[in-house]
């Protein structure tokens, strides 16, 4: 009975370790961009550069306006000082002592009876 009519089959079990080793590695650098992604990146870049240019222009304009304002304030202050000096000079020239002095130099006399005080 050494010979048996039954077949002698050996089954190989698939190795689970080999199945785990087959992993897929994705390279994100090789993924192609869609048209929408390209459009959004280009549009975002253009908008960013436009806003940067507008910011520089606005900043320059504001600085220029501030400089003009400072110059105008300097002119206004100068005119106010000049007006104050002129008002003081008017006050000095129209004082009664100065008027009497000028009248004496011109040979004029003050007649008290011709002066009327109005209250």
PDB file of N, CA and C in Angstrom:
ATOM      1  N   UNK A   1       0.778  -1.142   0.000  1.00  0.00           N
ATOM      2  CA  UNK A   1       0.000   0.000   0.000  1.00  0.00           C
ATOM      3  C   UNK A   1       0.849   1.247   0.000  1.00  0.00           C
ATOM      4  N   UNK A   2       1.833   1.133  -0.491  1.00  0.00           N
ATOM      5  CA  UNK A   2       2.709   2.261  -0.616  1.00  0.00           C
ATOM      6  C   UNK A   2       2.194   3.217  -1.659  1.00  0.00           C
ATOM      7  N   UNK A   3       1.539   2.637  -2.633  1.00  0.00           N
ATOM      8  CA  UNK A   3       0.962   3.524  -3.626  1.00  0.00           C
ATOM      9  C   UNK A   3      -0.465   3.830  -3.259  1.00  0.00           C
ATOM     10  N   UNK A   4      -0.741   5.056  -3.221  1.00  0.00           N
ATOM     11  CA  UNK A   4      -2.089   5.496  -2.913  1.00  0.00           C
ATOM     12  C   UNK A   4      -2.637   6.126  -4.174  1.00  0.00           C
ATOM     13  N   UNK A   5      -3.883   5.938  -4.379  1.00  0.00           N
ATOM     14  CA  UNK A   5      -4.475   6.506  -5.566  1.00  0.00           C
ATOM     15  C   UNK A   5      -4.856   7.988  -5.345  1.00  0.00           C
ATOM     16  N   UNK A   6      -4.809   8.447  -4.130  1.00  0.00           N
ATOM     17  CA  UNK A   6      -5.130   9.861  -3.862  1.00  0.00           C
ATOM     18  C   UNK A   6      -3.952  10.746  -4.277  1.00  0.00           C
ATOM     19  N   UNK A   7      -4.299  11.843  -4.770  1.00  0.00           N
ATOM     20  CA  UNK A   7      -3.249  12.729  -5.215  1.00  0.00           C
ATOM     21  C   UNK A   7      -2.610  13.417  -4.027  1.00  0.00           C
ATOM     22  N   UNK A   8      -1.402  13.685  -4.184  1.00  0.00           N
ATOM     23  CA  UNK A   8      -0.644  14.376  -3.163  1.00  0.00           C
ATOM     24  C   UNK A   8      -0.419  15.829  -3.644  1.00  0.00           C
ATOM     25  N   UNK A   9      -1.280  16.737  -3.272  1.00  0.00           N
ATOM     26  CA  UNK A   9      -1.179  18.134  -3.715  1.00  0.00           C
ATOM     27  C   UNK A   9      -0.716  19.009  -2.561  1.00  0.00           C
ATOM     28  N   UNK A  10       0.107  19.896  -2.891  1.00  0.00           N
ATOM     29  CA  UNK A  10       0.537  20.878  -1.884  1.00  0.00           C
ATOM     30  C   UNK A  10       0.070  22.257  -2.341  1.00  0.00           C
ATOM     31  N   UNK A  11      -0.542  22.965  -1.454  1.00  0.00           N
ATOM     32  CA  UNK A  11      -1.045  24.306  -1.755  1.00  0.00           C
ATOM     33  C   UNK A  11      -0.112  25.341  -1.131  1.00  0.00           C
ATOM     34  N   UNK A  12       0.184  26.336  -1.901  1.00  0.00           N
ATOM     35  CA  UNK A  12       1.011  27.419  -1.358  1.00  0.00           C
ATOM     36  C   UNK A  12       0.092  28.566  -0.961  1.00  0.00           C
ATOM     37  N   UNK A  13       0.259  28.954   0.247  1.00  0.00           N
ATOM     38  CA  UNK A  13      -0.520  30.092   0.763  1.00  0.00           C
ATOM     39  C   UNK A  13       0.141  31.386   0.263  1.00  0.00           C
ATOM     40  N   UNK A  14      -0.669  32.351  -0.253  1.00  0.00           N
ATOM     41  CA  UNK A  14      -0.053  33.622  -0.678  1.00  0.00           C
ATOM     42  C   UNK A  14       0.493  34.350   0.552  1.00  0.00           C
ATOM     43  N   UNK A  15       1.654  34.849   0.392  1.00  0.00           N
ATOM     44  CA  UNK A  15       2.338  35.526   1.494  1.00  0.00           C
ATOM     45  C   UNK A  15       1.704  36.896   1.727  1.00  0.00           C
ATOM     46  N   UNK A  16       1.240  37.131   2.909  1.00  0.00           N
ATOM     47  CA  UNK A  16       0.638  38.430   3.230  1.00  0.00           C
ATOM     48  C   UNK A  16       1.708  39.509   3.316  1.00  0.00           C
ATOM     49  N   UNK A  17       2.913  39.145   3.648  1.00  0.00           N
ATOM     50  CA  UNK A  17       3.996  40.132   3.721  1.00  0.00           C
ATOM     51  C   UNK A  17       4.289  40.693   2.344  1.00  0.00           C
ATOM     52  N   UNK A  18       4.207  39.831   1.301  1.00  0.00           N
ATOM     53  CA  UNK A  18       4.459  40.300  -0.058  1.00  0.00           C
ATOM     54  C   UNK A  18       3.354  41.250  -0.511  1.00  0.00           C
ATOM     55  N   UNK A  19       2.130  41.004  -0.083  1.00  0.00           N
ATOM     56  CA  UNK A  19       1.007  41.861  -0.475  1.00  0.00           C
ATOM     57  C   UNK A  19       1.137  43.239   0.166  1.00  0.00           C
ATOM     58  N   UNK A  20       1.662  43.303   1.369  1.00  0.00           N
ATOM     59  CA  UNK A  20       1.810  44.589   2.036  1.00  0.00           C
ATOM     60  C   UNK A  20       2.943  45.420   1.451  1.00  0.00           C
ATOM     61  N   UNK A  21       3.893  44.797   0.822  1.00  0.00           N
ATOM     62  CA  UNK A  21       5.032  45.519   0.290  1.00  0.00           C
ATOM     63  C   UNK A  21       4.697  46.218  -1.015  1.00  0.00           C
ATOM     64  N   UNK A  22       3.671  45.875  -1.647  1.00  0.00           N
ATOM     65  CA  UNK A  22       3.309  46.513  -2.909  1.00  0.00           C
ATOM     66  C   UNK A  22       2.472  47.757  -2.622  1.00  0.00           C
ATOM     67  N   UNK A  23       3.145  48.838  -2.242  1.00  0.00           N
ATOM     68  CA  UNK A  23       2.457  50.113  -2.004  1.00  0.00           C
ATOM     69  C   UNK A  23       2.743  51.050  -3.161  1.00  0.00           C
ATOM     70  N   UNK A  24       1.819  51.894  -3.428  1.00  0.00           N
ATOM     71  CA  UNK A  24       1.958  52.848  -4.530  1.00  0.00           C
ATOM     72  C   UNK A  24       2.451  54.170  -3.947  1.00  0.00           C
ATOM     73  N   UNK A  25       3.520  54.681  -4.482  1.00  0.00           N
ATOM     74  CA  UNK A  25       4.081  55.961  -4.039  1.00  0.00           C
ATOM     75  C   UNK A  25       3.718  57.002  -5.082  1.00  0.00           C
ATOM     76  N   UNK A  26       3.003  58.049  -4.633  1.00  0.00           N
ATOM     77  CA  UNK A  26       2.586  59.114  -5.545  1.00  0.00           C
ATOM     78  C   UNK A  26       3.595  60.245  -5.480  1.00  0.00           C
ATOM     79  N   UNK A  27       3.921  60.782  -6.610  1.00  0.00           N
ATOM     80  CA  UNK A  27       4.823  61.927  -6.697  1.00  0.00           C
ATOM     81  C   UNK A  27       3.978  63.154  -7.019  1.00  0.00           C
ATOM     82  N   UNK A  28       3.783  64.061  -6.038  1.00  0.00           N
ATOM     83  CA  UNK A  28       2.899  65.198  -6.301  1.00  0.00           C
ATOM     84  C   UNK A  28       3.457  66.163  -7.346  1.00  0.00           C
ATOM     85  N   UNK A  29       4.723  66.132  -7.619  1.00  0.00           N
ATOM     86  CA  UNK A  29       5.299  67.016  -8.636  1.00  0.00           C
ATOM     87  C   UNK A  29       4.888  66.629 -10.043  1.00  0.00           C
ATOM     88  N   UNK A  30       4.474  65.416 -10.233  1.00  0.00           N
ATOM     89  CA  UNK A  30       4.118  64.959 -11.571  1.00  0.00           C
ATOM     90  C   UNK A  30       2.636  65.078 -11.875  1.00  0.00           C
ATOM     91  N   UNK A  31       1.854  65.558 -10.904  1.00  0.00           N
ATOM     92  CA  UNK A  31       0.424  65.693 -11.131  1.00  0.00           C
ATOM     93  C   UNK A  31       0.195  66.936 -11.985  1.00  0.00           C
ATOM     94  N   UNK A  32      -0.508  66.791 -13.049  1.00  0.00           N
ATOM     95  CA  UNK A  32      -0.757  67.893 -13.975  1.00  0.00           C
ATOM     96  C   UNK A  32      -1.797  68.850 -13.397  1.00  0.00           C
ATOM     97  N   UNK A  33      -1.617  70.137 -13.694  1.00  0.00           N
ATOM     98  CA  UNK A  33      -2.559  71.158 -13.245  1.00  0.00           C
ATOM     99  C   UNK A  33      -3.721  71.221 -14.217  1.00  0.00           C
ATOM    100  N   UNK A  34      -4.885  71.462 -13.687  1.00  0.00           N
ATOM    101  CA  UNK A  34      -6.035  71.630 -14.559  1.00  0.00           C
ATOM    102  C   UNK A  34      -6.050  73.057 -15.087  1.00  0.00           C
ATOM    103  N   UNK A  35      -6.852  73.287 -16.104  1.00  0.00           N
ATOM    104  CA  UNK A  35      -6.949  74.637 -16.671  1.00  0.00           C
ATOM    105  C   UNK A  35      -7.493  75.624 -15.654  1.00  0.00           C
ATOM    106  N   UNK A  36      -8.414  75.178 -14.831  1.00  0.00           N
ATOM    107  CA  UNK A  36      -9.000  76.047 -13.814  1.00  0.00           C
ATOM    108  C   UNK A  36      -7.944  76.450 -12.783  1.00  0.00           C
ATOM    109  N   UNK A  37      -7.121  75.498 -12.362  1.00  0.00           N
ATOM    110  CA  UNK A  37      -6.070  75.807 -11.399  1.00  0.00           C
ATOM    111  C   UNK A  37      -5.075  76.806 -11.977  1.00  0.00           C
ATOM    112  N   UNK A  38      -4.691  76.605 -13.241  1.00  0.00           N
ATOM    113  CA  UNK A  38      -3.765  77.542 -13.894  1.00  0.00           C
ATOM    114  C   UNK A  38      -4.379  78.936 -13.961  1.00  0.00           C
ATOM    115  N   UNK A  39      -5.646  78.996 -14.351  1.00  0.00           N
ATOM    116  CA  UNK A  39      -6.333  80.290 -14.444  1.00  0.00           C
ATOM    117  C   UNK A  39      -6.386  80.985 -13.094  1.00  0.00           C
ATOM    118  N   UNK A  40      -6.717  80.230 -12.041  1.00  0.00           N
ATOM    119  CA  UNK A  40      -6.812  80.832 -10.712  1.00  0.00           C
ATOM    120  C   UNK A  40      -5.458  81.339 -10.217  1.00  0.00           C
ATOM    121  N   UNK A  41      -4.392  80.600 -10.473  1.00  0.00           N
ATOM    122  CA  UNK A  41      -3.060  81.035 -10.050  1.00  0.00           C
ATOM    123  C   UNK A  41      -2.642  82.289 -10.814  1.00  0.00           C
ATOM    124  N   UNK A  42      -2.866  82.315 -12.112  1.00  0.00           N
ATOM    125  CA  UNK A  42      -2.498  83.486 -12.922  1.00  0.00           C
ATOM    126  C   UNK A  42      -3.341  84.691 -12.517  1.00  0.00           C
ATOM    127  N   UNK A  43      -4.640  84.496 -12.356  1.00  0.00           N
ATOM    128  CA  UNK A  43      -5.520  85.606 -11.960  1.00  0.00           C
ATOM    129  C   UNK A  43      -5.134  86.129 -10.574  1.00  0.00           C
ATOM    130  N   UNK A  44      -4.857  85.238  -9.642  1.00  0.00           N
ATOM    131  CA  UNK A  44      -4.450  85.666  -8.299  1.00  0.00           C
ATOM    132  C   UNK A  44      -3.150  86.441  -8.323  1.00  0.00           C
ATOM    133  N   UNK A  45      -2.196  85.994  -9.142  1.00  0.00           N
ATOM    134  CA  UNK A  45      -0.921  86.698  -9.258  1.00  0.00           C
ATOM    135  C   UNK A  45      -1.121  88.085  -9.857  1.00  0.00           C
ATOM    136  N   UNK A  46      -1.923  88.178 -10.905  1.00  0.00           N
ATOM    137  CA  UNK A  46      -2.178  89.481 -11.535  1.00  0.00           C
ATOM    138  C   UNK A  46      -2.879  90.437 -10.567  1.00  0.00           C
ATOM    139  N   UNK A  47      -3.861  89.928  -9.855  1.00  0.00           N
ATOM    140  CA  UNK A  47      -4.576  90.771  -8.890  1.00  0.00           C
ATOM    141  C   UNK A  47      -3.632  91.245  -7.799  1.00  0.00           C
ATOM    142  N   UNK A  48      -2.745  90.359  -7.333  1.00  0.00           N
ATOM    143  CA  UNK A  48      -1.789  90.731  -6.294  1.00  0.00           C
ATOM    144  C   UNK A  48      -0.860  91.831  -6.783  1.00  0.00           C
ATOM    145  N   UNK A  49      -0.334  91.698  -8.006  1.00  0.00           N
ATOM    146  CA  UNK A  49       0.566  92.718  -8.527  1.00  0.00           C
ATOM    147  C   UNK A  49      -0.165  94.044  -8.752  1.00  0.00           C
ATOM    148  N   UNK A  50      -1.399  93.985  -9.216  1.00  0.00           N
ATOM    149  CA  UNK A  50      -2.177  95.224  -9.403  1.00  0.00           C
ATOM    150  C   UNK A  50      -2.417  95.920  -8.067  1.00  0.00           C
ATOM    151  N   UNK A  51      -2.771  95.149  -7.054  1.00  0.00           N
ATOM    152  CA  UNK A  51      -2.995  95.748  -5.732  1.00  0.00           C
ATOM    153  C   UNK A  51      -1.706  96.323  -5.154  1.00  0.00           C
ATOM    154  N   UNK A  52      -0.577  95.672  -5.410  1.00  0.00           N
ATOM    155  CA  UNK A  52       0.704  96.210  -4.943  1.00  0.00           C
ATOM    156  C   UNK A  52       1.003  97.541  -5.624  1.00  0.00           C
ATOM    157  N   UNK A  53       0.769  97.615  -6.929  1.00  0.00           N
ATOM    158  CA  UNK A  53       1.015  98.853  -7.662  1.00  0.00           C
ATOM    159  C   UNK A  53       0.086  99.966  -7.170  1.00  0.00           C
ATOM    160  N   UNK A  54      -1.180  99.633  -6.917  1.00  0.00           N
ATOM    161  CA  UNK A  54      -2.119 100.634  -6.412  1.00  0.00           C
ATOM    162  C   UNK A  54      -1.714 101.106  -5.025  1.00  0.00           C
ATOM    163  N   UNK A  55      -1.202 100.219  -4.194  1.00  0.00           N
ATOM    164  CA  UNK A  55      -0.754 100.587  -2.860  1.00  0.00           C
ATOM    165  C   UNK A  55       0.410 101.562  -2.927  1.00  0.00           C
ATOM    166  N   UNK A  56       1.364 101.307  -3.816  1.00  0.00           N
ATOM    167  CA  UNK A  56       2.508 102.208  -3.967  1.00  0.00           C
ATOM    168  C   UNK A  56       2.043 103.565  -4.491  1.00  0.00           C
ATOM    169  N   UNK A  57       1.156 103.567  -5.478  1.00  0.00           N
ATOM    170  CA  UNK A  57       0.654 104.824  -6.029  1.00  0.00           C
ATOM    171  C   UNK A  57      -0.113 105.614  -4.977  1.00  0.00           C
ATOM    172  N   UNK A  58      -0.939 104.947  -4.203  1.00  0.00           N
ATOM    173  CA  UNK A  58      -1.711 105.624  -3.159  1.00  0.00           C
ATOM    174  C   UNK A  58      -0.797 106.183  -2.083  1.00  0.00           C
ATOM    175  N   UNK A  59       0.206 105.425  -1.720  1.00  0.00           N
ATOM    176  CA  UNK A  59       1.153 105.880  -0.699  1.00  0.00           C
ATOM    177  C   UNK A  59       1.910 107.114  -1.192  1.00  0.00           C
ATOM    178  N   UNK A  60       2.336 107.098  -2.441  1.00  0.00           N
ATOM    179  CA  UNK A  60       3.040 108.249  -3.008  1.00  0.00           C
ATOM    180  C   UNK A  60       2.127 109.461  -3.071  1.00  0.00           C
ATOM    181  N   UNK A  61       0.895 109.255  -3.462  1.00  0.00           N
ATOM    182  CA  UNK A  61      -0.075 110.346  -3.540  1.00  0.00           C
ATOM    183  C   UNK A  61      -0.347 110.943  -2.158  1.00  0.00           C
ATOM    184  N   UNK A  62      -0.478 110.077  -1.164  1.00  0.00           N
ATOM    185  CA  UNK A  62      -0.730 110.563   0.199  1.00  0.00           C
ATOM    186  C   UNK A  62       0.457 111.355   0.726  1.00  0.00           C
ATOM    187  N   UNK A  63       1.666 110.908   0.436  1.00  0.00           N
ATOM    188  CA  UNK A  63       2.858 111.632   0.869  1.00  0.00           C
ATOM    189  C   UNK A  63       2.931 112.991   0.196  1.00  0.00           C
ATOM    190  N   UNK A  64       2.626 113.045  -1.079  1.00  0.00           N
ATOM    191  CA  UNK A  64       2.637 114.312  -1.814  1.00  0.00           C
ATOM    192  C   UNK A  64       1.584 115.275  -1.252  1.00  0.00           C
ATOM    193  N   UNK A  65       0.392 114.764  -0.976  1.00  0.00           N
ATOM    194  CA  UNK A  65      -0.666 115.607  -0.418  1.00  0.00           C
ATOM    195  C   UNK A  65      -0.287 116.111   0.971  1.00  0.00           C
ATOM    196  N   UNK A  66       0.359 115.272   1.745  1.00  0.00           N
ATOM    197  CA  UNK A  66       0.778 115.676   3.090  1.00  0.00           C
ATOM    198  C   UNK A  66       1.845 116.778   3.005  1.00  0.00           C
ATOM    199  N   UNK A  67       2.743 116.675   2.037  1.00  0.00           N
ATOM    200  CA  UNK A  67       3.767 117.705   1.856  1.00  0.00           C
ATOM    201  C   UNK A  67       3.126 119.034   1.434  1.00  0.00           C
ATOM    202  N   UNK A  68       2.163 118.979   0.523  1.00  0.00           N
ATOM    203  CA  UNK A  68       1.468 120.198   0.094  1.00  0.00           C
ATOM    204  C   UNK A  68       0.717 120.830   1.271  1.00  0.00           C
ATOM    205  N   UNK A  69       0.091 119.991   2.090  1.00  0.00           N
ATOM    206  CA  UNK A  69      -0.626 120.493   3.257  1.00  0.00           C
ATOM    207  C   UNK A  69       0.326 121.196   4.217  1.00  0.00           C
ATOM    208  N   UNK A  70       1.499 120.622   4.436  1.00  0.00           N
ATOM    209  CA  UNK A  70       2.486 121.238   5.329  1.00  0.00           C
ATOM    210  C   UNK A  70       2.933 122.589   4.783  1.00  0.00           C
ATOM    211  N   UNK A  71       3.128 122.678   3.461  1.00  0.00           N
ATOM    212  CA  UNK A  71       3.520 123.960   2.854  1.00  0.00           C
ATOM    213  C   UNK A  71       2.414 125.001   3.018  1.00  0.00           C
ATOM    214  N   UNK A  72       1.166 124.588   2.800  1.00  0.00           N
ATOM    215  CA  UNK A  72       0.048 125.523   2.938  1.00  0.00           C
ATOM    216  C   UNK A  72      -0.110 125.982   4.389  1.00  0.00           C
ATOM    217  N   UNK A  73       0.091 125.063   5.334  1.00  0.00           N
ATOM    218  CA  UNK A  73       0.011 125.447   6.745  1.00  0.00           C
ATOM    219  C   UNK A  73       1.100 126.449   7.097  1.00  0.00           C
ATOM    220  N   UNK A  74       2.283 126.270   6.512  1.00  0.00           N
ATOM    221  CA  UNK A  74       3.375 127.211   6.753  1.00  0.00           C
ATOM    222  C   UNK A  74       3.017 128.603   6.203  1.00  0.00           C
ATOM    223  N   UNK A  75       2.414 128.640   5.024  1.00  0.00           N
ATOM    224  CA  UNK A  75       2.007 129.920   4.423  1.00  0.00           C
ATOM    225  C   UNK A  75       0.925 130.582   5.278  1.00  0.00           C
ATOM    226  N   UNK A  76      -0.052 129.801   5.737  1.00  0.00           N
ATOM    227  CA  UNK A  76      -1.134 130.345   6.562  1.00  0.00           C
ATOM    228  C   UNK A  76      -0.579 130.912   7.861  1.00  0.00           C
ATOM    229  N   UNK A  77       0.348 130.188   8.477  1.00  0.00           N
ATOM    230  CA  UNK A  77       0.956 130.671   9.720  1.00  0.00           C
ATOM    231  C   UNK A  77       1.714 131.962   9.480  1.00  0.00           C
ATOM    232  N   UNK A  78       2.429 132.038   8.371  1.00  0.00           N
ATOM    233  CA  UNK A  78       3.171 133.253   8.024  1.00  0.00           C
ATOM    234  C   UNK A  78       2.209 134.436   7.835  1.00  0.00           C
ATOM    235  N   UNK A  79       1.101 134.216   7.142  1.00  0.00           N
ATOM    236  CA  UNK A  79       0.116 135.293   6.918  1.00  0.00           C
ATOM    237  C   UNK A  79      -0.539 135.722   8.233  1.00  0.00           C
ATOM    238  N   UNK A  80      -0.809 134.760   9.114  1.00  0.00           N
ATOM    239  CA  UNK A  80      -1.405 135.103  10.406  1.00  0.00           C
ATOM    240  C   UNK A  80      -0.449 135.945  11.235  1.00  0.00           C
ATOM    241  N   UNK A  81       0.826 135.594  11.208  1.00  0.00           N
ATOM    242  CA  UNK A  81       1.818 136.391  11.938  1.00  0.00           C
ATOM    243  C   UNK A  81       1.925 137.782  11.358  1.00  0.00           C
ATOM    244  N   UNK A  82       1.899 137.876  10.022  1.00  0.00           N
ATOM    245  CA  UNK A  82       1.957 139.177   9.361  1.00  0.00           C
ATOM    246  C   UNK A  82       0.729 140.018   9.715  1.00  0.00           C
ATOM    247  N   UNK A  83      -0.446 139.394   9.733  1.00  0.00           N
ATOM    248  CA  UNK A  83      -1.676 140.109  10.102  1.00  0.00           C
ATOM    249  C   UNK A  83      -1.611 140.611  11.545  1.00  0.00           C
ATOM    250  N   UNK A  84      -1.092 139.791  12.436  1.00  0.00           N
ATOM    251  CA  UNK A  84      -0.982 140.200  13.838  1.00  0.00           C
ATOM    252  C   UNK A  84      -0.027 141.382  13.975  1.00  0.00           C
ATOM    253  N   UNK A  85       1.087 141.347  13.238  1.00  0.00           N
ATOM    254  CA  UNK A  85       2.033 142.469  13.270  1.00  0.00           C
ATOM    255  C   UNK A  85       1.396 143.744  12.736  1.00  0.00           C
ATOM    256  N   UNK A  86       0.635 143.613  11.641  1.00  0.00           N
ATOM    257  CA  UNK A  86      -0.023 144.791  11.060  1.00  0.00           C
ATOM    258  C   UNK A  86      -1.096 145.345  11.992  1.00  0.00           C
ATOM    259  N   UNK A  87      -1.840 144.480  12.681  1.00  0.00           N
ATOM    260  CA  UNK A  87      -2.850 144.954  13.633  1.00  0.00           C
ATOM    261  C   UNK A  87      -2.193 145.704  14.785  1.00  0.00           C
ATOM    262  N   UNK A  88      -1.058 145.201  15.232  1.00  0.00           N
ATOM    263  CA  UNK A  88      -0.342 145.884  16.310  1.00  0.00           C
ATOM    264  C   UNK A  88       0.158 147.238  15.828  1.00  0.00           C
ATOM    265  N   UNK A  89       0.646 147.299  14.610  1.00  0.00           N
ATOM    266  CA  UNK A  89       1.126 148.572  14.056  1.00  0.00           C
ATOM    267  C   UNK A  89      -0.028 149.563  13.896  1.00  0.00           C
ATOM    268  N   UNK A  90      -1.195 149.057  13.469  1.00  0.00           N
ATOM    269  CA  UNK A  90      -2.377 149.931  13.357  1.00  0.00           C
ATOM    270  C   UNK A  90      -2.747 150.473  14.726  1.00  0.00           C
ATOM    271  N   UNK A  91      -2.721 149.591  15.736  1.00  0.00           N
ATOM    272  CA  UNK A  91      -3.033 150.037  17.094  1.00  0.00           C
ATOM    273  C   UNK A  91      -2.067 151.104  17.581  1.00  0.00           C
ATOM    274  N   UNK A  92      -0.769 150.942  17.290  1.00  0.00           N
ATOM    275  CA  UNK A  92       0.227 151.928  17.716  1.00  0.00           C
ATOM    276  C   UNK A  92       0.049 153.245  16.974  1.00  0.00           C
ATOM    277  N   UNK A  93      -0.201 153.184  15.657  1.00  0.00           N
ATOM    278  CA  UNK A  93      -0.339 154.410  14.878  1.00  0.00           C
ATOM    279  C   UNK A  93      -1.639 155.148  15.177  1.00  0.00           C
ATOM    280  N   UNK A  94      -2.687 154.436  15.577  1.00  0.00           N
ATOM    281  CA  UNK A  94      -3.961 155.105  15.840  1.00  0.00           C
ATOM    282  C   UNK A  94      -4.134 155.464  17.307  1.00  0.00           C
ATOM    283  N   UNK A  95      -3.106 155.271  18.100  1.00  0.00           N
ATOM    284  CA  UNK A  95      -3.213 155.668  19.508  1.00  0.00           C
ATOM    285  C   UNK A  95      -3.276 157.192  19.606  1.00  0.00           C
ATOM    286  N   UNK A  96      -3.920 157.690  20.663  1.00  0.00           N
ATOM    287  CA  UNK A  96      -4.103 159.140  20.798  1.00  0.00           C
ATOM    288  C   UNK A  96      -2.772 159.856  20.980  1.00  0.00           C
ATOM    289  N   UNK A  97      -1.822 159.253  21.652  1.00  0.00           N
ATOM    290  CA  UNK A  97      -0.521 159.915  21.835  1.00  0.00           C
ATOM    291  C   UNK A  97       0.190 160.060  20.498  1.00  0.00           C
ATOM    292  N   UNK A  98       0.112 159.064  19.639  1.00  0.00           N
ATOM    293  CA  UNK A  98       0.757 159.160  18.328  1.00  0.00           C
ATOM    294  C   UNK A  98       0.024 160.177  17.448  1.00  0.00           C
ATOM    295  N   UNK A  99      -1.309 160.181  17.518  1.00  0.00           N
ATOM    296  CA  UNK A  99      -2.065 161.153  16.726  1.00  0.00           C
ATOM    297  C   UNK A  99      -1.737 162.590  17.149  1.00  0.00           C
ATOM    298  N   UNK A 100      -1.616 162.823  18.458  1.00  0.00           N
ATOM    299  CA  UNK A 100      -1.255 164.160  18.937  1.00  0.00           C
ATOM    300  C   UNK A 100       0.148 164.535  18.486  1.00  0.00           C
ATOM    301  N   UNK A 101       1.054 163.597  18.492  1.00  0.00           N
ATOM    302  CA  UNK A 101       2.432 163.857  18.064  1.00  0.00           C
ATOM    303  C   UNK A 101       2.472 164.244  16.593  1.00  0.00           C
ATOM    304  N   UNK A 102       1.768 163.490  15.747  1.00  0.00           N
ATOM    305  CA  UNK A 102       1.731 163.785  14.316  1.00  0.00           C
ATOM    306  C   UNK A 102       1.043 165.133  14.078  1.00  0.00           C
ATOM    307  N   UNK A 103       0.004 165.424  14.838  1.00  0.00           N
ATOM    308  CA  UNK A 103      -0.712 166.702  14.679  1.00  0.00           C
ATOM    309  C   UNK A 103       0.198 167.864  15.028  1.00  0.00           C
ATOM    310  N   UNK A 104       0.992 167.763  16.074  1.00  0.00           N
ATOM    311  CA  UNK A 104       1.919 168.841  16.443  1.00  0.00           C
ATOM    312  C   UNK A 104       2.984 169.020  15.379  1.00  0.00           C
ATOM    313  N   UNK A 105       3.463 167.894  14.782  1.00  0.00           N
ATOM    314  CA  UNK A 105       4.476 167.995  13.722  1.00  0.00           C
ATOM    315  C   UNK A 105       3.912 168.710  12.500  1.00  0.00           C
ATOM    316  N   UNK A 106       2.633 168.553  12.226  1.00  0.00           N
ATOM    317  CA  UNK A 106       1.987 169.184  11.079  1.00  0.00           C
ATOM    318  C   UNK A 106       1.458 170.581  11.405  1.00  0.00           C
ATOM    319  N   UNK A 107       1.597 170.997  12.643  1.00  0.00           N
ATOM    320  CA  UNK A 107       1.144 172.330  13.035  1.00  0.00           C
ATOM    321  C   UNK A 107      -0.336 172.398  13.326  1.00  0.00           C
ATOM    322  N   UNK A 108      -0.962 171.324  13.661  1.00  0.00           N
ATOM    323  CA  UNK A 108      -2.384 171.311  13.967  1.00  0.00           C
ATOM    324  C   UNK A 108      -2.580 171.425  15.468  1.00  0.00           C
ATOM    325  N   UNK A 109      -3.710 172.011  15.857  1.00  0.00           N
ATOM    326  CA  UNK A 109      -4.014 172.141  17.281  1.00  0.00           C
ATOM    327  C   UNK A 109      -5.346 171.482  17.572  1.00  0.00           C
ATOM    328  N   UNK A 110      -5.495 171.067  18.812  1.00  0.00           N
ATOM    329  CA  UNK A 110      -6.706 170.387  19.232  1.00  0.00           C
ATOM    330  C   UNK A 110      -7.579 171.372  19.991  1.00  0.00           C
ATOM    331  N   UNK A 111      -8.791 171.600  19.508  1.00  0.00           N
ATOM    332  CA  UNK A 111      -9.731 172.505  20.161  1.00  0.00           C
ATOM    333  C   UNK A 111     -10.737 171.641  20.896  1.00  0.00           C
ATOM    334  N   UNK A 112     -10.718 171.749  22.242  1.00  0.00           N
ATOM    335  CA  UNK A 112     -11.549 170.894  23.097  1.00  0.00           C
ATOM    336  C   UNK A 112     -13.042 171.164  22.866  1.00  0.00           C
ATOM    337  N   UNK A 113     -13.383 172.374  22.490  1.00  0.00           N
ATOM    338  CA  UNK A 113     -14.797 172.710  22.338  1.00  0.00           C
ATOM    339  C   UNK A 113     -15.400 172.045  21.090  1.00  0.00           C
ATOM    340  N   UNK A 114     -14.550 171.650  20.159  1.00  0.00           N
ATOM    341  CA  UNK A 114     -15.045 171.014  18.926  1.00  0.00           C
ATOM    342  C   UNK A 114     -15.210 169.485  19.093  1.00  0.00           C
ATOM    343  N   UNK A 115     -14.821 168.944  20.237  1.00  0.00           N
ATOM    344  CA  UNK A 115     -14.898 167.501  20.456  1.00  0.00           C
ATOM    345  C   UNK A 115     -16.213 167.176  21.123  1.00  0.00           C
ATOM    346  N   UNK A 116     -16.939 166.234  20.536  1.00  0.00           N
ATOM    347  CA  UNK A 116     -18.179 165.773  21.131  1.00  0.00           C
ATOM    348  C   UNK A 116     -18.037 164.287  21.454  1.00  0.00           C
ATOM    349  N   UNK A 117     -18.395 163.942  22.655  1.00  0.00           N
ATOM    350  CA  UNK A 117     -18.366 162.544  23.067  1.00  0.00           C
ATOM    351  C   UNK A 117     -19.763 161.959  22.917  1.00  0.00           C
ATOM    352  N   UNK A 118     -19.825 160.848  22.265  1.00  0.00           N
ATOM    353  CA  UNK A 118     -21.100 160.180  22.039  1.00  0.00           C
ATOM    354  C   UNK A 118     -21.089 158.904  22.859  1.00  0.00           C
ATOM    355  N   UNK A 119     -22.179 158.757  23.628  1.00  0.00           N
ATOM    356  CA  UNK A 119     -22.262 157.555  24.451  1.00  0.00           C
ATOM    357  C   UNK A 119     -23.412 156.727  24.051  1.00  0.00           C
TER     358      UNK A 119
END
